[in-house]
């Protein structure tokens, strides 16, 4: 099973992103815009995980998530990997509570469960909105959306998600764990 851990933003916040990018969808040759149903914020990518590892993975992730409080976040600005000038991924950025400790805890729990961590890149929280097979200059797109600032929202849970590959990628949430209430609640 191809698995990852993710935060799922609420629909009203995704509506704001959708309205902001709507005039640009389909306007950049070579940029593919996946279905909104696939939008998520990856905390950790586990890659192929044997089915027999799943029960221990769920126990370890539940424990890791319970040690962290809910997060107040907002989508602010857009960018691209590896850069706006040489981009293959177009994304919406996040501001608010840092997610690095949560991401690291989830990764550590997965390693302890025997789920091989395949993504060792530096964690950069984002919402992927479009991809390209070849590098594109997305500076005009990124600049045109530079003034965007979305509503603050609370991330209260972490999902374990299975990725079904095929003609069209589909995601299935296998489990969900609540983050502890924030002290400011």
N, C-alpha and C. Protein backbone atom coordinates (compact mmCIF):
# COMPACT_ATOMS: atom_id res chain seq x y z
N UNK A 1 0.84 -1.18 0.00
CA UNK A 1 0.00 0.00 0.00
C UNK A 1 0.88 1.24 0.00
N UNK A 2 0.51 2.20 -0.81
CA UNK A 2 1.24 3.47 -0.88
C UNK A 2 0.55 4.43 0.10
N UNK A 3 1.27 4.86 1.16
CA UNK A 3 0.65 5.61 2.25
C UNK A 3 1.38 6.92 2.55
N UNK A 4 0.60 7.85 3.11
CA UNK A 4 1.17 9.09 3.63
C UNK A 4 0.28 9.61 4.75
N UNK A 5 0.83 10.50 5.58
CA UNK A 5 0.06 11.17 6.64
C UNK A 5 -0.19 12.60 6.19
N UNK A 6 -1.40 13.10 6.46
CA UNK A 6 -1.76 14.42 5.94
C UNK A 6 -2.75 15.16 6.82
N UNK A 7 -2.76 16.48 6.63
CA UNK A 7 -3.81 17.34 7.17
C UNK A 7 -4.78 17.61 6.03
N UNK A 8 -6.06 17.67 6.34
CA UNK A 8 -7.10 17.95 5.35
C UNK A 8 -7.75 19.29 5.67
N UNK A 9 -7.48 20.31 4.88
CA UNK A 9 -8.08 21.62 5.13
C UNK A 9 -9.60 21.57 4.94
N UNK A 10 -10.32 22.43 5.66
CA UNK A 10 -11.78 22.45 5.52
C UNK A 10 -12.22 23.00 4.16
N UNK A 11 -13.41 22.60 3.75
CA UNK A 11 -13.92 22.99 2.43
C UNK A 11 -13.96 24.50 2.22
N UNK A 12 -14.38 25.26 3.23
CA UNK A 12 -14.50 26.71 3.04
C UNK A 12 -13.14 27.36 2.76
N UNK A 13 -12.08 26.81 3.31
CA UNK A 13 -10.73 27.32 3.05
C UNK A 13 -10.27 26.91 1.65
N UNK A 14 -10.59 25.69 1.27
CA UNK A 14 -10.26 25.24 -0.09
C UNK A 14 -11.05 26.03 -1.13
N UNK A 15 -12.27 26.45 -0.77
CA UNK A 15 -13.06 27.30 -1.67
C UNK A 15 -12.30 28.59 -1.99
N UNK A 16 -11.65 29.18 -0.97
CA UNK A 16 -10.88 30.41 -1.18
C UNK A 16 -9.73 30.18 -2.16
N UNK A 17 -9.03 29.07 -1.99
CA UNK A 17 -7.92 28.74 -2.90
C UNK A 17 -8.47 28.54 -4.31
N UNK A 18 -9.55 27.80 -4.42
CA UNK A 18 -10.14 27.52 -5.73
C UNK A 18 -10.54 28.80 -6.45
N UNK A 19 -11.15 29.74 -5.72
CA UNK A 19 -11.54 31.01 -6.33
C UNK A 19 -10.31 31.80 -6.79
N UNK A 20 -9.24 31.75 -6.00
CA UNK A 20 -8.03 32.50 -6.35
C UNK A 20 -7.37 31.96 -7.61
N UNK A 21 -7.31 30.65 -7.76
CA UNK A 21 -6.59 30.07 -8.90
C UNK A 21 -7.47 29.87 -10.13
N UNK A 22 -8.80 29.95 -9.96
CA UNK A 22 -9.74 29.65 -11.05
C UNK A 22 -9.40 30.36 -12.37
N UNK A 23 -9.06 31.65 -12.37
CA UNK A 23 -8.75 32.30 -13.65
C UNK A 23 -7.50 31.75 -14.35
N UNK A 24 -6.67 31.03 -13.61
CA UNK A 24 -5.40 30.55 -14.15
C UNK A 24 -5.42 29.08 -14.59
N UNK A 25 -6.42 28.35 -14.10
CA UNK A 25 -6.49 26.91 -14.41
C UNK A 25 -6.67 26.74 -15.92
N UNK A 26 -5.79 25.92 -16.49
CA UNK A 26 -5.85 25.66 -17.93
C UNK A 26 -5.18 26.72 -18.78
N UNK A 27 -4.63 27.76 -18.17
CA UNK A 27 -4.04 28.87 -18.93
C UNK A 27 -2.53 28.74 -19.14
N UNK A 28 -1.89 27.81 -18.42
CA UNK A 28 -0.45 27.64 -18.55
C UNK A 28 -0.20 26.30 -19.25
N UNK A 29 0.25 26.33 -20.49
CA UNK A 29 0.51 25.08 -21.21
C UNK A 29 1.52 24.20 -20.46
N UNK A 30 1.18 22.92 -20.34
CA UNK A 30 2.06 21.97 -19.67
C UNK A 30 1.80 21.80 -18.19
N UNK A 31 0.93 22.63 -17.62
CA UNK A 31 0.61 22.55 -16.19
C UNK A 31 -0.68 21.76 -16.02
N UNK A 32 -0.60 20.66 -15.26
CA UNK A 32 -1.78 19.80 -15.01
C UNK A 32 -2.33 20.11 -13.62
N UNK A 33 -3.63 20.32 -13.57
CA UNK A 33 -4.30 20.71 -12.34
C UNK A 33 -5.11 19.52 -11.82
N UNK A 34 -4.64 18.82 -10.77
CA UNK A 34 -5.38 17.66 -10.27
C UNK A 34 -6.72 18.06 -9.65
N UNK A 35 -7.59 17.10 -9.54
CA UNK A 35 -8.91 17.29 -8.96
C UNK A 35 -8.79 17.79 -7.51
N UNK A 36 -9.67 18.69 -7.14
CA UNK A 36 -9.67 19.24 -5.78
C UNK A 36 -9.80 18.15 -4.73
N UNK A 37 -10.44 17.04 -5.04
CA UNK A 37 -10.61 15.94 -4.08
C UNK A 37 -9.27 15.38 -3.61
N UNK A 38 -8.20 15.66 -4.33
CA UNK A 38 -6.88 15.15 -3.95
C UNK A 38 -6.06 16.17 -3.14
N UNK A 39 -6.59 17.34 -2.89
CA UNK A 39 -5.85 18.38 -2.17
C UNK A 39 -5.67 18.00 -0.70
N UNK A 40 -4.44 18.10 -0.22
CA UNK A 40 -4.11 17.80 1.18
C UNK A 40 -2.75 18.41 1.48
N UNK A 41 -2.38 18.40 2.75
CA UNK A 41 -1.06 18.86 3.17
C UNK A 41 -0.32 17.65 3.73
N UNK A 42 0.68 17.20 3.01
CA UNK A 42 1.43 16.02 3.42
C UNK A 42 2.34 16.35 4.60
N UNK A 43 2.21 15.56 5.67
CA UNK A 43 3.11 15.66 6.81
C UNK A 43 4.29 14.71 6.65
N UNK A 44 4.02 13.52 6.09
CA UNK A 44 5.05 12.51 5.89
C UNK A 44 4.60 11.56 4.80
N UNK A 45 5.51 11.23 3.90
CA UNK A 45 5.23 10.27 2.84
C UNK A 45 5.95 8.98 3.18
N UNK A 46 5.23 7.86 3.19
CA UNK A 46 5.80 6.58 3.60
C UNK A 46 6.11 5.66 2.42
N UNK A 47 5.56 5.95 1.26
CA UNK A 47 5.78 5.09 0.10
C UNK A 47 5.05 3.77 0.26
N UNK A 48 5.59 2.72 -0.33
CA UNK A 48 4.97 1.39 -0.26
C UNK A 48 5.17 0.79 1.12
N UNK A 49 4.07 0.46 1.78
CA UNK A 49 4.09 -0.11 3.13
C UNK A 49 3.41 -1.47 3.08
N UNK A 50 4.09 -2.53 3.56
CA UNK A 50 3.46 -3.85 3.57
C UNK A 50 2.21 -3.86 4.45
N UNK A 51 1.19 -4.56 4.02
CA UNK A 51 -0.08 -4.59 4.75
C UNK A 51 0.08 -5.05 6.19
N UNK A 52 1.02 -5.97 6.45
CA UNK A 52 1.20 -6.47 7.81
C UNK A 52 1.77 -5.41 8.76
N UNK A 53 2.31 -4.32 8.23
CA UNK A 53 2.86 -3.23 9.05
C UNK A 53 1.74 -2.28 9.49
N UNK A 54 0.61 -2.29 8.80
CA UNK A 54 -0.46 -1.31 9.03
C UNK A 54 -0.94 -1.25 10.49
N UNK A 55 -1.22 -2.37 11.18
CA UNK A 55 -1.69 -2.25 12.57
C UNK A 55 -0.70 -1.52 13.49
N UNK A 56 0.58 -1.86 13.40
CA UNK A 56 1.59 -1.19 14.23
C UNK A 56 1.76 0.27 13.81
N UNK A 57 1.68 0.53 12.52
CA UNK A 57 1.77 1.91 12.02
C UNK A 57 0.65 2.75 12.61
N UNK A 58 -0.56 2.22 12.62
CA UNK A 58 -1.70 2.97 13.18
C UNK A 58 -1.49 3.26 14.67
N UNK A 59 -0.99 2.29 15.42
CA UNK A 59 -0.73 2.49 16.85
C UNK A 59 0.32 3.58 17.05
N UNK A 60 1.41 3.50 16.30
CA UNK A 60 2.50 4.47 16.44
C UNK A 60 2.08 5.87 16.02
N UNK A 61 1.31 5.98 14.94
CA UNK A 61 0.86 7.30 14.49
C UNK A 61 -0.14 7.90 15.48
N UNK A 62 -1.04 7.09 16.01
CA UNK A 62 -1.99 7.58 17.00
C UNK A 62 -1.25 8.17 18.20
N UNK A 63 -0.22 7.46 18.65
CA UNK A 63 0.58 7.92 19.79
C UNK A 63 1.31 9.23 19.44
N UNK A 64 1.91 9.29 18.26
CA UNK A 64 2.64 10.49 17.84
C UNK A 64 1.72 11.69 17.74
N UNK A 65 0.57 11.52 17.12
CA UNK A 65 -0.37 12.63 16.92
C UNK A 65 -0.90 13.13 18.26
N UNK A 66 -1.18 12.22 19.20
CA UNK A 66 -1.76 12.62 20.49
C UNK A 66 -0.84 13.52 21.31
N UNK A 67 0.44 13.54 20.97
CA UNK A 67 1.43 14.35 21.70
C UNK A 67 1.48 15.80 21.22
N UNK A 68 0.69 16.13 20.22
CA UNK A 68 0.73 17.48 19.63
C UNK A 68 -0.65 18.13 19.68
N UNK A 69 -0.64 19.46 19.76
CA UNK A 69 -1.89 20.19 19.83
C UNK A 69 -2.35 20.61 18.44
N UNK A 70 -3.63 20.95 18.36
CA UNK A 70 -4.20 21.43 17.10
C UNK A 70 -3.43 22.67 16.65
N UNK A 71 -3.51 22.93 15.34
CA UNK A 71 -2.72 23.98 14.72
C UNK A 71 -3.62 25.04 14.09
N UNK A 72 -3.31 26.30 14.31
CA UNK A 72 -4.00 27.39 13.62
C UNK A 72 -3.17 27.77 12.41
N UNK A 73 -3.75 27.63 11.21
CA UNK A 73 -3.03 27.80 9.96
C UNK A 73 -3.79 28.72 9.02
N UNK A 74 -3.11 29.22 8.02
CA UNK A 74 -3.73 30.00 6.94
C UNK A 74 -2.91 29.81 5.68
N UNK A 75 -3.58 29.75 4.55
CA UNK A 75 -2.87 29.73 3.27
C UNK A 75 -2.48 31.16 2.94
N UNK A 76 -1.19 31.35 2.68
CA UNK A 76 -0.69 32.68 2.35
C UNK A 76 0.33 32.55 1.23
N UNK A 77 -0.01 33.11 0.11
CA UNK A 77 0.91 33.14 -1.01
C UNK A 77 1.03 31.82 -1.75
N UNK A 78 1.66 31.91 -2.90
CA UNK A 78 1.86 30.76 -3.78
C UNK A 78 3.32 30.69 -4.16
N UNK A 79 3.77 29.52 -4.55
CA UNK A 79 5.15 29.35 -4.95
C UNK A 79 5.29 28.11 -5.82
N UNK A 80 6.54 27.70 -6.04
CA UNK A 80 6.78 26.56 -6.92
C UNK A 80 8.07 25.86 -6.51
N UNK A 81 8.11 24.57 -6.75
CA UNK A 81 9.33 23.77 -6.56
C UNK A 81 9.91 23.45 -7.91
N UNK A 82 11.15 23.45 -8.18
CA UNK A 82 12.20 23.83 -7.25
C UNK A 82 12.33 25.34 -7.13
N UNK A 83 11.89 26.08 -8.10
CA UNK A 83 11.79 27.54 -8.02
C UNK A 83 10.71 27.97 -9.01
N UNK A 84 10.25 29.21 -8.87
CA UNK A 84 9.21 29.70 -9.79
C UNK A 84 9.73 29.74 -11.23
N UNK A 85 11.02 29.94 -11.41
CA UNK A 85 11.61 30.01 -12.75
C UNK A 85 11.78 28.63 -13.37
N UNK A 86 12.00 27.61 -12.55
CA UNK A 86 12.23 26.24 -13.04
C UNK A 86 11.32 25.29 -12.27
N UNK A 87 10.02 25.43 -12.49
CA UNK A 87 9.03 24.75 -11.66
C UNK A 87 8.47 23.48 -12.29
N UNK A 88 8.22 22.53 -11.42
CA UNK A 88 7.47 21.31 -11.77
C UNK A 88 6.24 21.17 -10.88
N UNK A 89 6.22 21.92 -9.77
CA UNK A 89 5.10 21.87 -8.84
C UNK A 89 4.71 23.29 -8.47
N UNK A 90 3.42 23.59 -8.57
CA UNK A 90 2.86 24.88 -8.16
C UNK A 90 2.08 24.64 -6.88
N UNK A 91 2.29 25.48 -5.85
CA UNK A 91 1.66 25.23 -4.56
C UNK A 91 1.19 26.50 -3.87
N UNK A 92 0.31 26.29 -2.87
CA UNK A 92 -0.11 27.35 -1.95
C UNK A 92 0.66 27.15 -0.66
N UNK A 93 1.23 28.23 -0.13
CA UNK A 93 2.00 28.14 1.10
C UNK A 93 1.13 28.30 2.34
N UNK A 94 1.72 28.01 3.48
CA UNK A 94 1.01 28.07 4.76
C UNK A 94 1.74 28.95 5.75
N UNK A 95 0.99 29.61 6.60
CA UNK A 95 1.57 30.32 7.73
C UNK A 95 0.78 29.92 8.96
N UNK A 96 1.33 30.21 10.11
CA UNK A 96 0.66 29.86 11.36
C UNK A 96 1.55 28.97 12.20
N UNK A 97 0.93 28.14 13.03
CA UNK A 97 1.66 27.26 13.94
C UNK A 97 2.63 26.37 13.16
N UNK A 98 3.85 26.24 13.64
CA UNK A 98 4.81 25.37 12.94
C UNK A 98 4.39 23.91 13.00
N UNK A 99 4.54 23.22 11.88
CA UNK A 99 4.15 21.81 11.78
C UNK A 99 5.36 20.89 11.79
N UNK A 100 6.55 21.44 11.91
CA UNK A 100 7.75 20.63 11.77
C UNK A 100 7.82 19.54 12.85
N UNK A 101 7.55 19.89 14.09
CA UNK A 101 7.62 18.89 15.17
C UNK A 101 6.59 17.79 14.95
N UNK A 102 5.40 18.15 14.53
CA UNK A 102 4.37 17.14 14.25
C UNK A 102 4.83 16.23 13.12
N UNK A 103 5.35 16.81 12.06
CA UNK A 103 5.84 16.02 10.93
C UNK A 103 6.95 15.06 11.36
N UNK A 104 7.89 15.56 12.15
CA UNK A 104 8.99 14.72 12.61
C UNK A 104 8.50 13.58 13.50
N UNK A 105 7.52 13.85 14.37
CA UNK A 105 6.97 12.81 15.24
C UNK A 105 6.27 11.72 14.43
N UNK A 106 5.51 12.13 13.43
CA UNK A 106 4.81 11.18 12.57
C UNK A 106 5.82 10.31 11.82
N UNK A 107 6.87 10.93 11.29
CA UNK A 107 7.90 10.17 10.59
C UNK A 107 8.59 9.17 11.52
N UNK A 108 8.92 9.62 12.74
CA UNK A 108 9.59 8.73 13.69
C UNK A 108 8.70 7.56 14.06
N UNK A 109 7.42 7.81 14.29
CA UNK A 109 6.49 6.73 14.60
C UNK A 109 6.40 5.72 13.47
N UNK A 110 6.39 6.21 12.25
CA UNK A 110 6.32 5.32 11.09
C UNK A 110 7.58 4.46 10.99
N UNK A 111 8.73 5.07 11.23
CA UNK A 111 9.99 4.30 11.19
C UNK A 111 9.98 3.20 12.24
N UNK A 112 9.51 3.52 13.44
CA UNK A 112 9.45 2.53 14.52
C UNK A 112 8.49 1.39 14.18
N UNK A 113 7.47 1.69 13.41
CA UNK A 113 6.50 0.67 13.01
C UNK A 113 7.00 -0.19 11.86
N UNK A 114 8.10 0.23 11.23
CA UNK A 114 8.63 -0.54 10.10
C UNK A 114 8.20 -0.02 8.74
N UNK A 115 7.56 1.16 8.73
CA UNK A 115 7.19 1.78 7.45
C UNK A 115 8.41 2.57 6.98
N UNK A 116 8.96 2.19 5.88
CA UNK A 116 10.18 2.83 5.38
C UNK A 116 9.85 4.24 4.90
N UNK A 117 10.54 5.20 5.45
CA UNK A 117 10.37 6.60 5.06
C UNK A 117 11.14 6.83 3.77
N UNK A 118 10.44 7.18 2.70
CA UNK A 118 11.13 7.37 1.42
C UNK A 118 11.37 8.84 1.10
N UNK A 119 10.74 9.74 1.80
CA UNK A 119 10.88 11.17 1.50
C UNK A 119 11.69 11.83 2.60
N UNK A 120 12.96 12.05 2.36
CA UNK A 120 13.84 12.67 3.36
C UNK A 120 14.13 14.13 3.04
N UNK A 121 13.34 14.73 2.15
CA UNK A 121 13.53 16.15 1.84
C UNK A 121 13.16 16.99 3.07
N UNK A 122 13.72 18.19 3.11
CA UNK A 122 13.37 19.13 4.18
C UNK A 122 11.87 19.41 4.11
N UNK A 123 11.21 19.37 5.24
CA UNK A 123 9.76 19.57 5.28
C UNK A 123 9.42 21.02 4.95
N UNK A 124 8.55 21.20 3.97
CA UNK A 124 8.08 22.52 3.55
C UNK A 124 6.56 22.42 3.39
N UNK A 125 5.81 22.82 4.42
CA UNK A 125 4.35 22.66 4.35
C UNK A 125 3.74 23.43 3.18
N UNK A 126 2.90 22.75 2.41
CA UNK A 126 2.29 23.37 1.23
C UNK A 126 1.11 22.53 0.76
N UNK A 127 0.32 23.10 -0.10
CA UNK A 127 -0.80 22.42 -0.75
C UNK A 127 -0.49 22.41 -2.24
N UNK A 128 -0.21 21.21 -2.79
CA UNK A 128 0.11 21.11 -4.22
C UNK A 128 -1.16 21.36 -5.03
N UNK A 129 -1.05 22.27 -6.00
CA UNK A 129 -2.20 22.63 -6.83
C UNK A 129 -2.04 22.22 -8.28
N UNK A 130 -0.80 22.11 -8.77
CA UNK A 130 -0.58 21.74 -10.17
C UNK A 130 0.82 21.17 -10.32
N UNK A 131 0.99 20.36 -11.38
CA UNK A 131 2.28 19.72 -11.67
C UNK A 131 2.58 19.83 -13.16
N UNK A 132 3.88 19.75 -13.47
CA UNK A 132 4.32 19.75 -14.86
C UNK A 132 5.33 18.63 -15.06
N UNK A 133 5.34 18.05 -16.24
CA UNK A 133 6.31 16.99 -16.56
C UNK A 133 7.70 17.57 -16.81
N UNK A 134 7.74 18.79 -17.32
CA UNK A 134 9.01 19.46 -17.59
C UNK A 134 9.02 20.79 -16.83
N UNK A 135 10.19 21.34 -16.65
CA UNK A 135 10.30 22.61 -15.94
C UNK A 135 9.61 23.73 -16.71
N UNK A 136 8.86 24.53 -15.97
CA UNK A 136 8.15 25.68 -16.55
C UNK A 136 8.52 26.94 -15.79
N UNK A 137 8.44 28.07 -16.46
CA UNK A 137 8.63 29.36 -15.80
C UNK A 137 7.26 29.81 -15.28
N UNK A 138 7.06 29.68 -13.97
CA UNK A 138 5.78 30.05 -13.36
C UNK A 138 5.84 31.38 -12.63
N UNK A 139 6.89 32.15 -12.88
CA UNK A 139 6.99 33.45 -12.20
C UNK A 139 5.77 34.32 -12.43
N UNK A 140 5.25 34.44 -13.68
CA UNK A 140 4.06 35.28 -13.86
C UNK A 140 2.85 34.79 -13.05
N UNK A 141 2.68 33.48 -12.97
CA UNK A 141 1.56 32.92 -12.20
C UNK A 141 1.73 33.21 -10.72
N UNK A 142 2.91 32.93 -10.19
CA UNK A 142 3.17 33.17 -8.76
C UNK A 142 3.01 34.65 -8.43
N UNK A 143 3.54 35.52 -9.27
CA UNK A 143 3.45 36.96 -9.03
C UNK A 143 2.00 37.46 -9.09
N UNK A 144 1.21 36.91 -10.01
CA UNK A 144 -0.18 37.36 -10.14
C UNK A 144 -1.01 37.01 -8.91
N UNK A 145 -0.58 36.05 -8.14
CA UNK A 145 -1.32 35.62 -6.94
C UNK A 145 -0.64 36.06 -5.64
N UNK A 146 0.34 36.94 -5.74
CA UNK A 146 1.16 37.29 -4.58
C UNK A 146 0.38 37.95 -3.45
N UNK A 147 -0.72 38.59 -3.72
CA UNK A 147 -1.47 39.27 -2.68
C UNK A 147 -2.43 38.39 -1.92
N UNK A 148 -2.50 37.11 -2.25
CA UNK A 148 -3.48 36.21 -1.62
C UNK A 148 -3.15 35.94 -0.16
N UNK A 149 -4.19 36.00 0.66
CA UNK A 149 -4.09 35.61 2.07
C UNK A 149 -5.43 35.02 2.46
N UNK A 150 -5.43 33.75 2.85
CA UNK A 150 -6.66 33.06 3.17
C UNK A 150 -7.05 33.18 4.63
N UNK A 151 -8.22 32.67 4.94
CA UNK A 151 -8.73 32.69 6.31
C UNK A 151 -7.95 31.72 7.20
N UNK A 152 -7.87 32.06 8.47
CA UNK A 152 -7.25 31.16 9.45
C UNK A 152 -8.20 29.99 9.71
N UNK A 153 -7.62 28.82 9.84
CA UNK A 153 -8.40 27.62 10.13
C UNK A 153 -7.63 26.75 11.11
N UNK A 154 -8.35 25.88 11.78
CA UNK A 154 -7.74 25.00 12.77
C UNK A 154 -7.63 23.59 12.22
N UNK A 155 -6.40 23.08 12.18
CA UNK A 155 -6.16 21.68 11.82
C UNK A 155 -6.24 20.89 13.12
N UNK A 156 -7.26 20.03 13.22
CA UNK A 156 -7.50 19.31 14.47
C UNK A 156 -7.23 17.83 14.41
N UNK A 157 -6.87 17.32 13.22
CA UNK A 157 -6.63 15.88 13.11
C UNK A 157 -5.63 15.58 12.00
N UNK A 158 -5.08 14.38 12.08
CA UNK A 158 -4.14 13.86 11.09
C UNK A 158 -4.75 12.61 10.49
N UNK A 159 -4.64 12.48 9.18
CA UNK A 159 -5.17 11.32 8.45
C UNK A 159 -4.04 10.43 7.96
N UNK A 160 -4.26 9.13 8.01
CA UNK A 160 -3.41 8.17 7.30
C UNK A 160 -4.12 7.89 5.99
N UNK A 161 -3.45 8.17 4.88
CA UNK A 161 -4.09 8.14 3.58
C UNK A 161 -3.41 7.11 2.67
N UNK A 162 -4.25 6.37 1.96
CA UNK A 162 -3.76 5.42 0.96
C UNK A 162 -3.94 6.05 -0.41
N UNK A 163 -2.90 5.97 -1.21
CA UNK A 163 -2.92 6.50 -2.57
C UNK A 163 -3.16 5.35 -3.54
N UNK A 164 -4.24 5.43 -4.30
CA UNK A 164 -4.55 4.44 -5.33
C UNK A 164 -4.08 5.02 -6.66
N UNK A 165 -3.05 4.42 -7.24
CA UNK A 165 -2.49 4.89 -8.50
C UNK A 165 -3.27 4.28 -9.66
N UNK A 166 -3.29 4.95 -10.76
CA UNK A 166 -3.97 4.47 -11.95
C UNK A 166 -4.15 5.60 -12.93
N UNK A 167 -5.11 5.46 -13.83
CA UNK A 167 -5.37 6.52 -14.80
C UNK A 167 -5.66 7.83 -14.08
N UNK A 168 -6.37 7.74 -12.96
CA UNK A 168 -6.63 8.91 -12.13
C UNK A 168 -6.30 8.55 -10.68
N UNK A 169 -5.46 9.35 -10.04
CA UNK A 169 -5.08 9.10 -8.66
C UNK A 169 -6.29 9.33 -7.76
N UNK A 170 -6.46 8.43 -6.79
CA UNK A 170 -7.55 8.55 -5.83
C UNK A 170 -6.97 8.29 -4.45
N UNK A 171 -7.44 9.08 -3.45
CA UNK A 171 -6.97 8.93 -2.08
C UNK A 171 -8.08 8.40 -1.20
N UNK A 172 -7.68 7.55 -0.26
CA UNK A 172 -8.62 6.94 0.68
C UNK A 172 -8.07 7.12 2.08
N UNK A 173 -8.84 7.76 2.96
CA UNK A 173 -8.43 7.94 4.35
C UNK A 173 -8.66 6.62 5.10
N UNK A 174 -7.58 6.03 5.62
CA UNK A 174 -7.68 4.75 6.34
C UNK A 174 -7.92 4.94 7.82
N UNK A 175 -7.42 6.05 8.37
CA UNK A 175 -7.56 6.32 9.80
C UNK A 175 -7.41 7.82 10.02
N UNK A 176 -7.93 8.27 11.15
CA UNK A 176 -7.84 9.69 11.51
C UNK A 176 -7.67 9.79 13.01
N UNK A 177 -6.73 10.66 13.45
CA UNK A 177 -6.49 10.85 14.87
C UNK A 177 -6.55 12.33 15.19
N UNK A 178 -7.21 12.64 16.31
CA UNK A 178 -7.32 14.02 16.74
C UNK A 178 -6.04 14.50 17.41
N UNK A 179 -5.68 15.72 17.09
CA UNK A 179 -4.62 16.41 17.82
C UNK A 179 -5.21 16.86 19.15
N UNK A 180 -4.38 17.04 20.17
CA UNK A 180 -4.87 17.50 21.46
C UNK A 180 -5.37 18.94 21.31
N UNK A 181 -6.35 19.33 22.13
CA UNK A 181 -6.81 20.72 22.06
C UNK A 181 -5.64 21.67 22.40
N UNK A 182 -5.60 22.78 21.69
CA UNK A 182 -4.55 23.78 21.96
C UNK A 182 -4.82 24.45 23.30
N UNK A 183 -3.77 24.91 23.95
CA UNK A 183 -3.92 25.55 25.27
C UNK A 183 -4.82 26.77 25.20
N UNK A 184 -4.90 27.41 24.04
CA UNK A 184 -5.70 28.62 23.89
C UNK A 184 -7.19 28.30 23.69
N UNK A 185 -7.53 27.01 23.64
CA UNK A 185 -8.95 26.62 23.45
C UNK A 185 -9.76 26.88 24.70
